[in-house]
Full PDB file with SEQRES, HELIX, SHEET, SSBOND, CRYST1, ORIGX, SCALE, CONECT and MASTER records, all heavy atoms in Angstrom:
SEQRES   1 A   30  HIS GLY LEU LEU GLU ALA LEU LYS ASP ASP TYR SER ILE          
SEQRES   2 A   30  LEU VAL ALA THR ASP GLY PRO LYS ALA VAL GLU LEU ALA          
SEQRES   3 A   30  GLN GLY PRO THR                                              
HELIX    1 AA1 GLY A    2  LEU A    7  1                                   6    
HELIX    2 AA2 GLY A   19  ALA A   26  1                                   8    
CRYST1    1.000    1.000    1.000  90.00  90.00  90.00 P 1           1          
ORIGX1      1.000000  0.000000  0.000000        0.00000                         
ORIGX2      0.000000  1.000000  0.000000        0.00000                         
ORIGX3      0.000000  0.000000  1.000000        0.00000                         
SCALE1      1.000000  0.000000  0.000000        0.00000                         
SCALE2      0.000000  1.000000  0.000000        0.00000                         
SCALE3      0.000000  0.000000  1.000000        0.00000                         
ATOM      1  N   HIS A   1     -13.068 -29.965  39.601  1.00  0.00           N  
ATOM      2  CA  HIS A   1     -13.399 -29.088  40.636  1.00  0.00           C  
ATOM      3  C   HIS A   1     -12.171 -29.039  41.604  1.00  0.00           C  
ATOM      4  O   HIS A   1     -11.777 -27.910  42.023  1.00  0.00           O  
ATOM      5  CB  HIS A   1     -14.674 -29.401  41.450  1.00  0.00           C  
ATOM      6  CG  HIS A   1     -15.045 -28.538  42.458  1.00  0.00           C  
ATOM      7  ND1 HIS A   1     -15.469 -27.158  42.248  1.00  0.00           N  
ATOM      8  CD2 HIS A   1     -14.927 -28.685  43.772  1.00  0.00           C  
ATOM      9  CE1 HIS A   1     -15.630 -26.674  43.441  1.00  0.00           C  
ATOM     10  NE2 HIS A   1     -15.360 -27.604  44.464  1.00  0.00           N  
ATOM     11  N   GLY A   2     -11.615 -30.171  41.976  1.00  0.00           N  
ATOM     12  CA  GLY A   2     -10.642 -30.223  42.935  1.00  0.00           C  
ATOM     13  C   GLY A   2      -9.384 -29.587  42.395  1.00  0.00           C  
ATOM     14  O   GLY A   2      -8.737 -28.777  43.207  1.00  0.00           O  
ATOM     15  N   LEU A   3      -9.057 -29.724  41.116  1.00  0.00           N  
ATOM     16  CA  LEU A   3      -7.835 -29.067  40.591  1.00  0.00           C  
ATOM     17  C   LEU A   3      -8.099 -27.546  40.394  1.00  0.00           C  
ATOM     18  O   LEU A   3      -7.109 -26.805  40.686  1.00  0.00           O  
ATOM     19  CB  LEU A   3      -7.435 -29.639  39.341  1.00  0.00           C  
ATOM     20  CG  LEU A   3      -6.979 -31.184  39.273  1.00  0.00           C  
ATOM     21  CD1 LEU A   3      -6.929 -31.727  37.884  1.00  0.00           C  
ATOM     22  CD2 LEU A   3      -5.628 -31.204  40.022  1.00  0.00           C  
ATOM     23  N   LEU A   4      -9.323 -27.215  40.064  1.00  0.00           N  
ATOM     24  CA  LEU A   4      -9.532 -25.751  39.990  1.00  0.00           C  
ATOM     25  C   LEU A   4      -9.363 -25.034  41.300  1.00  0.00           C  
ATOM     26  O   LEU A   4      -8.824 -23.995  41.354  1.00  0.00           O  
ATOM     27  CB  LEU A   4     -11.021 -25.539  39.460  1.00  0.00           C  
ATOM     28  CG  LEU A   4     -11.236 -25.871  37.934  1.00  0.00           C  
ATOM     29  CD1 LEU A   4     -12.744 -25.773  37.661  1.00  0.00           C  
ATOM     30  CD2 LEU A   4     -10.462 -24.874  37.088  1.00  0.00           C  
ATOM     31  N   GLU A   5      -9.883 -25.631  42.451  1.00  0.00           N  
ATOM     32  CA  GLU A   5      -9.835 -24.974  43.724  1.00  0.00           C  
ATOM     33  C   GLU A   5      -8.345 -24.934  44.216  1.00  0.00           C  
ATOM     34  O   GLU A   5      -7.915 -24.082  44.757  1.00  0.00           O  
ATOM     35  CB  GLU A   5     -10.634 -25.883  44.733  1.00  0.00           C  
ATOM     36  CG  GLU A   5     -12.168 -25.785  44.637  1.00  0.00           C  
ATOM     37  CD  GLU A   5     -12.576 -24.392  44.798  1.00  0.00           C  
ATOM     38  OE1 GLU A   5     -12.145 -23.693  45.765  1.00  0.00           O  
ATOM     39  OE2 GLU A   5     -13.315 -23.921  43.954  1.00  0.00           O  
ATOM     40  N   ALA A   6      -7.588 -25.877  43.708  1.00  0.00           N  
ATOM     41  CA  ALA A   6      -5.989 -25.837  44.102  1.00  0.00           C  
ATOM     42  C   ALA A   6      -5.342 -24.780  43.278  1.00  0.00           C  
ATOM     43  O   ALA A   6      -4.306 -24.320  43.859  1.00  0.00           O  
ATOM     44  CB  ALA A   6      -5.477 -27.287  43.956  1.00  0.00           C  
ATOM     45  N   LEU A   7      -5.749 -24.538  42.124  1.00  0.00           N  
ATOM     46  CA  LEU A   7      -4.878 -23.700  41.236  1.00  0.00           C  
ATOM     47  C   LEU A   7      -5.439 -22.424  40.768  1.00  0.00           C  
ATOM     48  O   LEU A   7      -4.640 -21.587  40.270  1.00  0.00           O  
ATOM     49  CB  LEU A   7      -4.515 -24.558  40.002  1.00  0.00           C  
ATOM     50  CG  LEU A   7      -3.898 -25.967  40.188  1.00  0.00           C  
ATOM     51  CD1 LEU A   7      -3.940 -26.694  38.965  1.00  0.00           C  
ATOM     52  CD2 LEU A   7      -2.473 -25.722  40.661  1.00  0.00           C  
ATOM     53  N   LYS A   8      -6.639 -22.069  40.973  1.00  0.00           N  
ATOM     54  CA  LYS A   8      -7.291 -20.917  40.417  1.00  0.00           C  
ATOM     55  C   LYS A   8      -6.761 -19.685  40.889  1.00  0.00           C  
ATOM     56  O   LYS A   8      -6.903 -18.620  40.230  1.00  0.00           O  
ATOM     57  CB  LYS A   8      -8.826 -20.959  40.648  1.00  0.00           C  
ATOM     58  CG  LYS A   8      -9.218 -20.848  42.062  1.00  0.00           C  
ATOM     59  CD  LYS A   8     -10.745 -20.911  42.171  1.00  0.00           C  
ATOM     60  CE  LYS A   8     -11.102 -20.741  43.718  1.00  0.00           C  
ATOM     61  NZ  LYS A   8     -12.704 -20.802  43.941  1.00  0.00           N  
ATOM     62  N   ASP A   9      -6.245 -19.568  42.069  1.00  0.00           N  
ATOM     63  CA  ASP A   9      -5.718 -18.344  42.675  1.00  0.00           C  
ATOM     64  C   ASP A   9      -4.272 -17.839  41.976  1.00  0.00           C  
ATOM     65  O   ASP A   9      -4.112 -16.711  41.985  1.00  0.00           O  
ATOM     66  CB  ASP A   9      -5.476 -18.358  44.140  1.00  0.00           C  
ATOM     67  CG  ASP A   9      -6.764 -18.544  44.896  1.00  0.00           C  
ATOM     68  OD1 ASP A   9      -7.827 -18.217  44.357  1.00  0.00           O  
ATOM     69  OD2 ASP A   9      -6.833 -19.094  46.046  1.00  0.00           O  
ATOM     70  N   ASP A  10      -3.691 -18.894  41.402  1.00  0.00           N  
ATOM     71  CA  ASP A  10      -2.336 -18.546  40.826  1.00  0.00           C  
ATOM     72  C   ASP A  10      -2.253 -18.611  39.306  1.00  0.00           C  
ATOM     73  O   ASP A  10      -1.268 -18.139  38.805  1.00  0.00           O  
ATOM     74  CB  ASP A  10      -1.226 -19.372  41.498  1.00  0.00           C  
ATOM     75  CG  ASP A  10      -1.159 -19.301  42.976  1.00  0.00           C  
ATOM     76  OD1 ASP A  10      -1.078 -18.164  43.455  1.00  0.00           O  
ATOM     77  OD2 ASP A  10      -1.230 -20.299  43.721  1.00  0.00           O  
ATOM     78  N   TYR A  11      -3.233 -19.317  38.726  1.00  0.00           N  
ATOM     79  CA  TYR A  11      -3.099 -19.599  37.213  1.00  0.00           C  
ATOM     80  C   TYR A  11      -4.486 -19.329  36.545  1.00  0.00           C  
ATOM     81  O   TYR A  11      -5.521 -19.433  37.153  1.00  0.00           O  
ATOM     82  CB  TYR A  11      -2.719 -21.089  37.110  1.00  0.00           C  
ATOM     83  CG  TYR A  11      -1.479 -21.427  37.952  1.00  0.00           C  
ATOM     84  CD1 TYR A  11      -1.511 -22.212  39.051  1.00  0.00           C  
ATOM     85  CD2 TYR A  11      -0.112 -21.082  37.420  1.00  0.00           C  
ATOM     86  CE1 TYR A  11      -0.355 -22.571  39.790  1.00  0.00           C  
ATOM     87  CE2 TYR A  11       0.863 -21.405  38.143  1.00  0.00           C  
ATOM     88  CZ  TYR A  11       0.839 -22.163  39.238  1.00  0.00           C  
ATOM     89  OH  TYR A  11       1.957 -22.493  40.029  1.00  0.00           O  
ATOM     90  N   SER A  12      -4.287 -19.143  35.229  1.00  0.00           N  
ATOM     91  CA  SER A  12      -5.443 -19.081  34.420  1.00  0.00           C  
ATOM     92  C   SER A  12      -5.716 -20.568  33.912  1.00  0.00           C  
ATOM     93  O   SER A  12      -4.931 -21.360  33.585  1.00  0.00           O  
ATOM     94  CB  SER A  12      -5.163 -18.229  33.116  1.00  0.00           C  
ATOM     95  OG  SER A  12      -4.975 -16.893  33.443  1.00  0.00           O  
ATOM     96  N   ILE A  13      -6.975 -20.995  34.125  1.00  0.00           N  
ATOM     97  CA  ILE A  13      -7.301 -22.306  33.870  1.00  0.00           C  
ATOM     98  C   ILE A  13      -8.191 -22.636  32.547  1.00  0.00           C  
ATOM     99  O   ILE A  13      -9.157 -21.881  32.279  1.00  0.00           O  
ATOM    100  CB  ILE A  13      -8.071 -23.007  34.983  1.00  0.00           C  
ATOM    101  CG1 ILE A  13      -7.302 -22.661  36.310  1.00  0.00           C  
ATOM    102  CG2 ILE A  13      -8.249 -24.528  34.797  1.00  0.00           C  
ATOM    103  CD1 ILE A  13      -6.043 -23.311  36.441  1.00  0.00           C  
ATOM    104  N   LEU A  14      -7.699 -23.567  31.708  1.00  0.00           N  
ATOM    105  CA  LEU A  14      -8.440 -24.022  30.619  1.00  0.00           C  
ATOM    106  C   LEU A  14      -9.086 -25.359  30.963  1.00  0.00           C  
ATOM    107  O   LEU A  14      -8.394 -26.227  31.699  1.00  0.00           O  
ATOM    108  CB  LEU A  14      -7.707 -24.198  29.349  1.00  0.00           C  
ATOM    109  CG  LEU A  14      -7.273 -22.934  28.625  1.00  0.00           C  
ATOM    110  CD1 LEU A  14      -6.117 -23.211  27.600  1.00  0.00           C  
ATOM    111  CD2 LEU A  14      -8.411 -22.231  27.900  1.00  0.00           C  
ATOM    112  N   VAL A  15     -10.285 -25.792  30.575  1.00  0.00           N  
ATOM    113  CA  VAL A  15     -10.852 -27.025  30.984  1.00  0.00           C  
ATOM    114  C   VAL A  15     -11.345 -27.798  29.729  1.00  0.00           C  
ATOM    115  O   VAL A  15     -12.029 -27.181  28.793  1.00  0.00           O  
ATOM    116  CB  VAL A  15     -12.034 -26.831  31.994  1.00  0.00           C  
ATOM    117  CG1 VAL A  15     -12.856 -28.220  32.134  1.00  0.00           C  
ATOM    118  CG2 VAL A  15     -11.677 -26.229  33.265  1.00  0.00           C  
ATOM    119  N   ALA A  16     -10.978 -29.042  29.712  1.00  0.00           N  
ATOM    120  CA  ALA A  16     -11.499 -29.933  28.550  1.00  0.00           C  
ATOM    121  C   ALA A  16     -11.943 -31.182  29.258  1.00  0.00           C  
ATOM    122  O   ALA A  16     -11.270 -31.793  30.195  1.00  0.00           O  
ATOM    123  CB  ALA A  16     -10.451 -30.199  27.648  1.00  0.00           C  
ATOM    124  N   THR A  17     -13.065 -31.798  28.810  1.00  0.00           N  
ATOM    125  CA  THR A  17     -13.603 -32.916  29.422  1.00  0.00           C  
ATOM    126  C   THR A  17     -13.416 -34.174  28.643  1.00  0.00           C  
ATOM    127  O   THR A  17     -13.957 -35.341  28.900  1.00  0.00           O  
ATOM    128  CB  THR A  17     -15.126 -32.775  29.809  1.00  0.00           C  
ATOM    129  OG1 THR A  17     -15.863 -32.409  28.614  1.00  0.00           O  
ATOM    130  CG2 THR A  17     -15.409 -31.648  30.881  1.00  0.00           C  
ATOM    131  N   ASP A  18     -12.788 -33.938  27.437  1.00  0.00           N  
ATOM    132  CA  ASP A  18     -12.530 -35.081  26.710  1.00  0.00           C  
ATOM    133  C   ASP A  18     -11.167 -34.935  25.905  1.00  0.00           C  
ATOM    134  O   ASP A  18     -10.795 -33.840  25.740  1.00  0.00           O  
ATOM    135  CB  ASP A  18     -13.587 -35.541  25.708  1.00  0.00           C  
ATOM    136  CG  ASP A  18     -14.066 -34.365  24.846  1.00  0.00           C  
ATOM    137  OD1 ASP A  18     -13.188 -33.753  24.171  1.00  0.00           O  
ATOM    138  OD2 ASP A  18     -15.299 -34.131  24.804  1.00  0.00           O  
ATOM    139  N   GLY A  19     -10.646 -36.007  25.267  1.00  0.00           N  
ATOM    140  CA  GLY A  19      -9.407 -35.897  24.433  1.00  0.00           C  
ATOM    141  C   GLY A  19      -9.417 -34.958  23.438  1.00  0.00           C  
ATOM    142  O   GLY A  19      -8.532 -34.000  23.240  1.00  0.00           O  
ATOM    143  N   PRO A  20     -10.445 -35.059  22.432  1.00  0.00           N  
ATOM    144  CA  PRO A  20     -10.394 -34.202  21.284  1.00  0.00           C  
ATOM    145  C   PRO A  20     -10.503 -32.714  21.645  1.00  0.00           C  
ATOM    146  O   PRO A  20      -9.869 -31.915  20.997  1.00  0.00           O  
ATOM    147  CB  PRO A  20     -11.823 -34.627  20.607  1.00  0.00           C  
ATOM    148  CG  PRO A  20     -11.960 -36.000  20.920  1.00  0.00           C  
ATOM    149  CD  PRO A  20     -11.486 -36.084  22.362  1.00  0.00           C  
ATOM    150  N   LYS A  21     -11.214 -32.379  22.746  1.00  0.00           N  
ATOM    151  CA  LYS A  21     -11.394 -30.996  23.053  1.00  0.00           C  
ATOM    152  C   LYS A  21     -10.035 -30.541  23.685  1.00  0.00           C  
ATOM    153  O   LYS A  21      -9.516 -29.330  23.513  1.00  0.00           O  
ATOM    154  CB  LYS A  21     -12.433 -30.739  24.239  1.00  0.00           C  
ATOM    155  CG  LYS A  21     -12.624 -29.261  24.661  1.00  0.00           C  
ATOM    156  CD  LYS A  21     -13.155 -28.397  23.463  1.00  0.00           C  
ATOM    157  CE  LYS A  21     -13.480 -27.009  23.984  1.00  0.00           C  
ATOM    158  NZ  LYS A  21     -13.915 -26.158  22.923  1.00  0.00           N  
ATOM    159  N   ALA A  22      -9.247 -31.385  24.424  1.00  0.00           N  
ATOM    160  CA  ALA A  22      -8.010 -31.018  24.989  1.00  0.00           C  
ATOM    161  C   ALA A  22      -7.023 -30.771  23.773  1.00  0.00           C  
ATOM    162  O   ALA A  22      -6.232 -29.705  23.901  1.00  0.00           O  
ATOM    163  CB  ALA A  22      -7.450 -32.207  25.738  1.00  0.00           C  
ATOM    164  N   VAL A  23      -6.903 -31.543  22.710  1.00  0.00           N  
ATOM    165  CA  VAL A  23      -6.149 -31.355  21.728  1.00  0.00           C  
ATOM    166  C   VAL A  23      -6.497 -29.988  20.962  1.00  0.00           C  
ATOM    167  O   VAL A  23      -5.550 -29.209  20.631  1.00  0.00           O  
ATOM    168  CB  VAL A  23      -6.201 -32.422  20.711  1.00  0.00           C  
ATOM    169  CG1 VAL A  23      -5.411 -32.107  19.365  1.00  0.00           C  
ATOM    170  CG2 VAL A  23      -5.635 -33.797  21.238  1.00  0.00           C  
ATOM    171  N   GLU A  24      -7.773 -29.672  20.818  1.00  0.00           N  
ATOM    172  CA  GLU A  24      -8.174 -28.496  20.136  1.00  0.00           C  
ATOM    173  C   GLU A  24      -7.664 -27.321  21.030  1.00  0.00           C  
ATOM    174  O   GLU A  24      -7.216 -26.352  20.370  1.00  0.00           O  
ATOM    175  CB  GLU A  24      -9.733 -28.487  20.046  1.00  0.00           C  
ATOM    176  CG  GLU A  24     -10.364 -27.144  19.576  1.00  0.00           C  
ATOM    177  CD  GLU A  24     -11.846 -27.072  19.667  1.00  0.00           C  
ATOM    178  OE1 GLU A  24     -12.484 -28.250  19.791  1.00  0.00           O  
ATOM    179  OE2 GLU A  24     -12.355 -26.044  19.563  1.00  0.00           O  
ATOM    180  N   LEU A  25      -7.895 -27.209  22.332  1.00  0.00           N  
ATOM    181  CA  LEU A  25      -7.488 -26.157  23.056  1.00  0.00           C  
ATOM    182  C   LEU A  25      -6.013 -25.962  23.113  1.00  0.00           C  
ATOM    183  O   LEU A  25      -5.540 -24.778  23.006  1.00  0.00           O  
ATOM    184  CB  LEU A  25      -7.997 -26.284  24.501  1.00  0.00           C  
ATOM    185  CG  LEU A  25      -9.574 -26.237  24.755  1.00  0.00           C  
ATOM    186  CD1 LEU A  25      -9.907 -26.521  26.146  1.00  0.00           C  
ATOM    187  CD2 LEU A  25     -10.090 -24.739  24.374  1.00  0.00           C  
ATOM    188  N   ALA A  26      -5.346 -27.032  23.227  1.00  0.00           N  
ATOM    189  CA  ALA A  26      -3.811 -27.001  23.287  1.00  0.00           C  
ATOM    190  C   ALA A  26      -3.247 -26.376  22.041  1.00  0.00           C  
ATOM    191  O   ALA A  26      -2.243 -25.698  22.038  1.00  0.00           O  
ATOM    192  CB  ALA A  26      -3.269 -28.270  23.584  1.00  0.00           C  
ATOM    193  N   GLN A  27      -3.837 -26.740  20.860  1.00  0.00           N  
ATOM    194  CA  GLN A  27      -3.323 -26.290  19.619  1.00  0.00           C  
ATOM    195  C   GLN A  27      -4.052 -24.982  19.092  1.00  0.00           C  
ATOM    196  O   GLN A  27      -3.947 -24.526  18.015  1.00  0.00           O  
ATOM    197  CB  GLN A  27      -3.494 -27.413  18.557  1.00  0.00           C  
ATOM    198  CG  GLN A  27      -2.624 -28.558  18.909  1.00  0.00           C  
ATOM    199  CD  GLN A  27      -2.720 -29.700  17.864  1.00  0.00           C  
ATOM    200  OE1 GLN A  27      -3.631 -29.757  17.046  1.00  0.00           O  
ATOM    201  NE2 GLN A  27      -1.746 -30.538  17.890  1.00  0.00           N  
ATOM    202  N   GLY A  28      -4.786 -24.298  20.051  1.00  0.00           N  
ATOM    203  CA  GLY A  28      -5.516 -23.111  19.608  1.00  0.00           C  
ATOM    204  C   GLY A  28      -4.581 -21.880  19.554  1.00  0.00           C  
ATOM    205  O   GLY A  28      -3.403 -22.065  19.645  1.00  0.00           O  
ATOM    206  N   PRO A  29      -5.121 -20.707  19.439  1.00  0.00           N  
ATOM    207  CA  PRO A  29      -4.351 -19.547  19.438  1.00  0.00           C  
ATOM    208  C   PRO A  29      -3.576 -19.158  20.610  1.00  0.00           C  
ATOM    209  O   PRO A  29      -2.486 -18.419  20.648  1.00  0.00           O  
ATOM    210  CB  PRO A  29      -5.463 -18.425  19.131  1.00  0.00           C  
ATOM    211  CG  PRO A  29      -6.688 -18.897  19.744  1.00  0.00           C  
ATOM    212  CD  PRO A  29      -6.554 -20.415  19.492  1.00  0.00           C  
ATOM    213  N   THR A  30      -4.005 -19.629  21.748  1.00  0.00           N  
ATOM    214  CA  THR A  30      -3.096 -19.408  23.095  1.00  0.00           C  
ATOM    215  C   THR A  30      -2.824 -20.728  23.775  1.00  0.00           C  
ATOM    216  O   THR A  30      -3.641 -21.086  24.742  1.00  0.00           O  
ATOM    217  CB  THR A  30      -3.949 -18.414  23.921  1.00  0.00           C  
ATOM    218  OG1 THR A  30      -5.300 -19.011  24.274  1.00  0.00           O  
ATOM    219  CG2 THR A  30      -4.122 -17.093  23.366  1.00  0.00           C  
TER     220      THR A  30                                                      
MASTER        0    0    0    2    0    0    0    6  219    1    0    3          
END                                                                             
């Protein structure tokens, strides 16, 4: 939440709450 509040106005945000999801999103289509 703290990072989203700091960055949401300038960037598009992806969120992952664990390692496997982070790898999946990073290696996804975008």
